[in-house]
Structure formats: structure tokens, C-alpha cells
C-alpha atoms as a PDB file:
ATOM      1  CA  MET A   1      54.303 125.181 103.664  1.00  0.00           C
ATOM      2  CA  SER A   2      52.745 123.080 100.938  1.00  0.00           C
ATOM      3  CA  ASN A   3      53.022 119.312 100.906  1.00  0.00           C
ATOM      4  CA  GLU A   4      54.781 119.486  97.560  1.00  0.00           C
ATOM      5  CA  LYS A   5      57.436 121.870  98.901  1.00  0.00           C
ATOM      6  CA  LEU A   6      58.012 119.633 101.930  1.00  0.00           C
ATOM      7  CA  GLU A   7      58.325 116.631  99.619  1.00  0.00           C
ATOM      8  CA  GLN A   8      60.989 118.454  97.565  1.00  0.00           C
ATOM      9  CA  ILE A   9      62.995 119.346 100.668  1.00  0.00           C
ATOM     10  CA  LEU A  10      62.862 115.765 101.945  1.00  0.00           C
ATOM     11  CA  GLN A  11      63.877 114.506  98.512  1.00  0.00           C
ATOM     12  CA  LYS A  12      66.820 116.911  98.446  1.00  0.00           C
ATOM     13  CA  GLN A  13      67.967 115.793 101.913  1.00  0.00           C
ATOM     14  CA  GLN A  14      67.815 112.158 100.878  1.00  0.00           C
ATOM     15  CA  THR A  15      70.033 112.838  97.853  1.00  0.00           C
ATOM     16  CA  GLN A  16      72.509 114.734 100.016  1.00  0.00           C
ATOM     17  CA  ILE A  17      72.610 111.909 102.549  1.00  0.00           C
ATOM     18  CA  ALA A  18      72.971 109.249  99.871  1.00  0.00           C
ATOM     19  CA  GLY A  19      75.353 111.345  97.805  1.00  0.00           C
ATOM     20  CA  PRO A  20      74.975 111.541  94.028  1.00  0.00           C
ATOM     21  CA  ASP A  21      77.399 108.767  93.024  1.00  0.00           C
ATOM     22  CA  ILE A  22      77.750 106.851  96.246  1.00  0.00           C
ATOM     23  CA  ASP A  23      78.742 103.594  94.517  1.00  0.00           C
ATOM     24  CA  GLN A  24      81.344 105.232  92.357  1.00  0.00           C
ATOM     25  CA  LYS A  25      82.957 106.978  95.334  1.00  0.00           C
ATOM     26  CA  GLU A  26      83.017 103.811  97.438  1.00  0.00           C
ATOM     27  CA  ASP A  27      84.658 101.853  94.609  1.00  0.00           C
ATOM     28  CA  ASP A  28      87.517 104.319  94.501  1.00  0.00           C
ATOM     29  CA  ILE A  29      88.388 103.916  98.179  1.00  0.00           C
ATOM     30  CA  ILE A  30      90.563 100.953  99.076  1.00  0.00           C
ATOM     31  CA  GLN A  31      90.537  99.753 102.677  1.00  0.00           C
ATOM     32  CA  LEU A  32      93.848  98.440 103.928  1.00  0.00           C
ATOM     33  CA  VAL A  33      95.370  97.153 107.128  1.00  0.00           C
ATOM     34  CA  GLY A  34      98.751  98.662 107.905  1.00  0.00           C
ATOM     35  CA  PHE A  35     101.549  96.802 109.654  1.00  0.00           C
ATOM     36  CA  VAL A  36     105.263  97.058 110.295  1.00  0.00           C
ATOM     37  CA  VAL A  37     107.993  94.598 109.287  1.00  0.00           C
ATOM     38  CA  GLY A  38     111.502  95.720 110.210  1.00  0.00           C
ATOM     39  CA  ASP A  39     111.407  99.518 109.994  1.00  0.00           C
ATOM     40  CA  GLU A  40     108.949  99.723 107.111  1.00  0.00           C
ATOM     41  CA  GLU A  41     105.196 100.062 107.051  1.00  0.00           C
ATOM     42  CA  TYR A  42     103.292  97.897 104.587  1.00  0.00           C
ATOM     43  CA  ALA A  43      99.601  97.400 103.916  1.00  0.00           C
ATOM     44  CA  ILE A  44      97.314  94.678 102.627  1.00  0.00           C
ATOM     45  CA  PRO A  45      93.742  95.080 101.348  1.00  0.00           C
ATOM     46  CA  ILE A  46      91.383  94.264 104.203  1.00  0.00           C
ATOM     47  CA  LEU A  47      89.315  91.925 101.999  1.00  0.00           C
ATOM     48  CA  ASN A  48      92.240  89.508 101.683  1.00  0.00           C
ATOM     49  CA  ILE A  49      92.691  89.143 105.436  1.00  0.00           C
ATOM     50  CA  GLN A  50      90.948  86.212 107.051  1.00  0.00           C
ATOM     51  CA  GLU A  51      92.042  87.179 110.537  1.00  0.00           C
ATOM     52  CA  ILE A  52      94.818  88.557 112.681  1.00  0.00           C
ATOM     53  CA  ILE A  53      95.892  86.469 115.645  1.00  0.00           C
ATOM     54  CA  LYS A  54      98.451  86.473 118.419  1.00  0.00           C
ATOM     55  CA  PRO A  55     101.314  84.044 117.779  1.00  0.00           C
ATOM     56  CA  ILE A  56     100.497  80.396 118.407  1.00  0.00           C
ATOM     57  CA  GLU A  57     102.674  77.304 118.340  1.00  0.00           C
ATOM     58  CA  TYR A  58     103.923  76.095 114.996  1.00  0.00           C
ATOM     59  CA  THR A  59     105.740  72.980 113.829  1.00  0.00           C
ATOM     60  CA  ARG A  60     108.930  73.173 111.806  1.00  0.00           C
ATOM     61  CA  VAL A  61     108.982  71.270 108.532  1.00  0.00           C
ATOM     62  CA  PRO A  62     112.086  70.083 106.659  1.00  0.00           C
ATOM     63  CA  SER A  63     113.243  71.179 103.197  1.00  0.00           C
ATOM     64  CA  VAL A  64     111.449  74.514 102.952  1.00  0.00           C
ATOM     65  CA  PRO A  65     113.010  77.962 102.353  1.00  0.00           C
ATOM     66  CA  ASP A  66     114.295  79.805 105.439  1.00  0.00           C
ATOM     67  CA  TYR A  67     111.396  82.234 105.419  1.00  0.00           C
ATOM     68  CA  VAL A  68     108.901  79.391 105.974  1.00  0.00           C
ATOM     69  CA  LEU A  69     108.961  78.938 109.740  1.00  0.00           C
ATOM     70  CA  GLY A  70     106.767  75.851 109.608  1.00  0.00           C
ATOM     71  CA  VAL A  71     103.069  75.070 109.748  1.00  0.00           C
ATOM     72  CA  PHE A  72     100.413  75.866 112.293  1.00  0.00           C
ATOM     73  CA  ASN A  73      96.934  74.571 112.944  1.00  0.00           C
ATOM     74  CA  MET A  74      94.105  77.053 113.041  1.00  0.00           C
ATOM     75  CA  ARG A  75      90.771  75.454 113.818  1.00  0.00           C
ATOM     76  CA  GLY A  76      91.651  72.278 111.954  1.00  0.00           C
ATOM     77  CA  ASN A  77      93.283  73.989 108.970  1.00  0.00           C
ATOM     78  CA  VAL A  78      97.008  73.431 108.687  1.00  0.00           C
ATOM     79  CA  MET A  79      98.733  76.290 106.900  1.00  0.00           C
ATOM     80  CA  PRO A  80     102.277  77.538 106.351  1.00  0.00           C
ATOM     81  CA  LEU A  81     103.691  80.264 108.573  1.00  0.00           C
ATOM     82  CA  ILE A  82     105.899  82.716 106.703  1.00  0.00           C
ATOM     83  CA  ASP A  83     108.285  85.202 108.288  1.00  0.00           C
ATOM     84  CA  LEU A  84     107.795  88.360 106.219  1.00  0.00           C
ATOM     85  CA  ALA A  85     111.049  89.883 107.517  1.00  0.00           C
ATOM     86  CA  GLN A  86     113.010  86.940 106.096  1.00  0.00           C
ATOM     87  CA  ARG A  87     110.919  86.912 102.938  1.00  0.00           C
ATOM     88  CA  PHE A  88     111.908  90.562 102.405  1.00  0.00           C
ATOM     89  CA  HIS A  89     115.557  89.853 103.331  1.00  0.00           C
ATOM     90  CA  LEU A  90     115.355  91.980 106.503  1.00  0.00           C
ATOM     91  CA  GLY A  91     116.694  89.342 108.911  1.00  0.00           C
ATOM     92  CA  SER A  92     114.386  87.317 111.161  1.00  0.00           C
ATOM     93  CA  SER A  93     111.372  88.640 113.036  1.00  0.00           C
ATOM     94  CA  LYS A  94     111.906  88.967 116.765  1.00  0.00           C
ATOM     95  CA  MET A  95     108.901  87.726 118.714  1.00  0.00           C
ATOM     96  CA  THR A  96     107.600  90.543 120.932  1.00  0.00           C
ATOM     97  CA  PRO A  97     104.273  91.171 122.670  1.00  0.00           C
ATOM     98  CA  GLN A  98     103.255  93.155 119.540  1.00  0.00           C
ATOM     99  CA  THR A  99     104.023  90.313 117.104  1.00  0.00           C
ATOM    100  CA  ARG A 100     100.976  89.072 115.198  1.00  0.00           C
ATOM    101  CA  TYR A 101     100.157  86.522 112.531  1.00  0.00           C
ATOM    102  CA  ILE A 102      98.114  87.888 109.638  1.00  0.00           C
ATOM    103  CA  VAL A 103      96.204  85.029 108.040  1.00  0.00           C
ATOM    104  CA  LEU A 104      95.625  85.748 104.361  1.00  0.00           C
ATOM    105  CA  ARG A 105      92.856  84.144 102.388  1.00  0.00           C
ATOM    106  CA  GLY A 106      94.002  82.406  99.215  1.00  0.00           C
ATOM    107  CA  SER A 107      92.068  82.804  96.016  1.00  0.00           C
ATOM    108  CA  THR A 108      89.698  80.034  95.146  1.00  0.00           C
ATOM    109  CA  ASP A 109      89.820  80.278  91.363  1.00  0.00           C
ATOM    110  CA  ALA A 110      91.430  77.183  89.893  1.00  0.00           C
ATOM    111  CA  GLY A 111      93.446  79.156  87.348  1.00  0.00           C
ATOM    112  CA  SER A 112      95.515  81.044  89.903  1.00  0.00           C
ATOM    113  CA  ASN A 113      98.938  80.005  91.216  1.00  0.00           C
ATOM    114  CA  ALA A 114      98.081  81.168  94.706  1.00  0.00           C
ATOM    115  CA  SER A 115      96.918  78.349  96.865  1.00  0.00           C
ATOM    116  CA  GLY A 116      95.188  78.100 100.176  1.00  0.00           C
ATOM    117  CA  ASN A 117      95.656  80.318 103.176  1.00  0.00           C
ATOM    118  CA  ALA A 118      98.889  81.193 104.914  1.00  0.00           C
ATOM    119  CA  GLY A 119      99.962  83.018 108.054  1.00  0.00           C
ATOM    120  CA  PHE A 120     102.513  85.814 107.928  1.00  0.00           C
ATOM    121  CA  VAL A 121     104.536  86.982 110.914  1.00  0.00           C
ATOM    122  CA  ILE A 122     104.515  90.769 111.282  1.00  0.00           C
ATOM    123  CA  ASP A 123     106.223  92.909 113.913  1.00  0.00           C
ATOM    124  CA  ARG A 124     103.139  94.936 114.790  1.00  0.00           C
ATOM    125  CA  LEU A 125      99.874  96.269 113.438  1.00  0.00           C
ATOM    126  CA  THR A 126      99.568  99.993 112.803  1.00  0.00           C
ATOM    127  CA  GLU A 127      96.067 101.021 111.707  1.00  0.00           C
ATOM    128  CA  ALA A 128      93.165 100.582 109.360  1.00  0.00           C
ATOM    129  CA  ILE A 129      93.792 102.777 106.329  1.00  0.00           C
ATOM    130  CA  LYS A 130      91.411 104.115 103.708  1.00  0.00           C
ATOM    131  CA  ILE A 131      93.133 105.389 100.597  1.00  0.00           C
ATOM    132  CA  HIS A 132      91.705 106.710  97.358  1.00  0.00           C
ATOM    133  CA  ARG A 133      92.643 104.613  94.323  1.00  0.00           C
ATOM    134  CA  ASN A 134      94.061 107.671  92.537  1.00  0.00           C
ATOM    135  CA  ARG A 135      96.604 108.091  95.355  1.00  0.00           C
ATOM    136  CA  ILE A 136      98.156 104.704  94.590  1.00  0.00           C
ATOM    137  CA  ASP A 137     100.976 104.666  92.054  1.00  0.00           C
ATOM    138  CA  PRO A 138     102.287 101.523  90.364  1.00  0.00           C
ATOM    139  CA  PRO A 139     105.549 100.256  91.877  1.00  0.00           C
ATOM    140  CA  PRO A 140     108.702 101.836  90.450  1.00  0.00           C
ATOM    141  CA  GLU A 141     110.240  99.734  87.655  1.00  0.00           C
ATOM    142  CA  THR A 142     113.299  98.971  89.780  1.00  0.00           C
ATOM    143  CA  LEU A 143     111.139  97.100  92.298  1.00  0.00           C
ATOM    144  CA  LEU A 144     109.348  94.927  89.760  1.00  0.00           C
ATOM    145  CA  LYS A 145     112.147  92.380  89.611  1.00  0.00           C
ATOM    146  CA  GLU A 146     111.493  91.458  93.270  1.00  0.00           C
ATOM    147  CA  LYS A 147     108.963  88.820  92.133  1.00  0.00           C
ATOM    148  CA  GLY A 148     106.275  91.479  91.851  1.00  0.00           C
ATOM    149  CA  MET A 149     105.196  91.441  95.503  1.00  0.00           C
ATOM    150  CA  ILE A 150     104.282  95.119  95.439  1.00  0.00           C
ATOM    151  CA  TYR A 151     100.829  96.132  94.251  1.00  0.00           C
ATOM    152  CA  GLY A 152     101.513  99.828  94.488  1.00  0.00           C
ATOM    153  CA  ILE A 153     102.807 102.774  96.459  1.00  0.00           C
ATOM    154  CA  GLY A 154     100.152 104.670  98.406  1.00  0.00           C
ATOM    155  CA  LYS A 155     100.796 108.381  98.825  1.00  0.00           C
ATOM    156  CA  ARG A 156      99.621 109.723 102.153  1.00  0.00           C
ATOM    157  CA  ASP A 157      99.981 113.243 103.507  1.00  0.00           C
ATOM    158  CA  GLU A 158     102.837 112.442 105.838  1.00  0.00           C
ATOM    159  CA  ASN A 159     104.483 109.427 104.180  1.00  0.00           C
ATOM    160  CA  ILE A 160     104.239 106.729 101.553  1.00  0.00           C
ATOM    161  CA  LEU A 161     103.006 103.217 102.057  1.00  0.00           C
ATOM    162  CA  THR A 162     103.989 100.023 100.269  1.00  0.00           C
ATOM    163  CA  ILE A 163     100.866  98.048  99.391  1.00  0.00           C
ATOM    164  CA  LEU A 164     101.591  94.355  98.957  1.00  0.00           C
ATOM    165  CA  LYS A 165     100.137  92.049  96.331  1.00  0.00           C
ATOM    166  CA  VAL A 166      98.418  89.204  98.154  1.00  0.00           C
ATOM    167  CA  GLU A 167      98.549  86.723  95.244  1.00  0.00           C
ATOM    168  CA  ALA A 168     102.329  87.142  95.119  1.00  0.00           C
ATOM    169  CA  LEU A 169     102.687  86.652  98.880  1.00  0.00           C
ATOM    170  CA  LEU A 170     100.619  83.475  98.740  1.00  0.00           C
ATOM    171  CA  LYS A 171     102.419  82.029  95.728  1.00  0.00           C
ATOM    172  CA  ARG A 172     103.996  78.744  96.806  1.00  0.00           C
ATOM    173  CA  GLU A 173     107.633  78.377  95.921  1.00  0.00           C
ATOM    174  CA  PHE A 174     108.202  75.388  98.155  1.00  0.00           C
END
């Protein structure tokens, strides 16, 4: 086998490994973390999650909406703790061994209304989810009035998934 022929084969393998439009394909896949609140599964883009922790102590604060449980201290950063069940008008979260706090990272651009980080109480984590951008539909018009918390509806083989808009969750109304 000639050197040239070998070179061509190696070249071809490299392209197959790399894939022709690797960047384009990767851009179209959104990575999410799925979780349950009440009986519904929701998801948040993984890039917006700072960390997921087991419940820790929090301090109640006066004059905040019911869904704000209080504030908690995570490594010197004091942030609000929000009960997503109450925020979605699904009653209060019951603390169980599966309960977690998802700490979302606020945006740092000065122009945005979102501010700082916040913790959100969820009933349980489900899984890491990869979904192709073309399988995400915009929220139905009827849901838009709910302060636009929904980024889109992800269509999966066995069910649909509500993908939440992080900026809307972090928007301070208190």
C-alpha cells in the first residue's frame, strides 16, 4: 500500500471521527437538567446551574411573597430560597430525602432585570437531558401570560418537557 493511499485513509478516518460540521451539530443540542415539582417534570439549561445541593438551613425574612422561603448562606453568599411549587401555585414543597436546592446563576450583564443567584426548592432530580433545538417549540400562547417563565416545550419520544426560562425565574419581584 502506498504512503499516499495510507495518508488518504487516515485523513478520511479523521474526518469521520471529527464529523463534517461538528460545531454546527453541537450548537443545536441543548443540555438540560430535569427535575420534578409537584407532578410535573421541568428542565433548566445546564449552563445556568451553579450547583445542586441537599437542603440546608435557611432564615425566614419578613415582607416577601409566600414563595420566598427565606435566605440561605452558601459559602459566604447570601441568596434567596424560592419554593418552585408555591411559585407555580402547586401548594408548598414537602421536604423529603429527595428534595434538592438548585442554585441558579444570575446573569452578570448590567442591562438585565435578573439579579444575583438564587436557590430553588425542587422535589427531586430526574436526569441530564440532551435535546435537539428543533425539538423545542415555543410555549403555547395561553401560557405566555404566566409572566413568561417558560422558554419552550421540549418534545421527547415518550413525553413533553417544560423548559423554564432562567432569567424569568431569577427576576426579583420582592
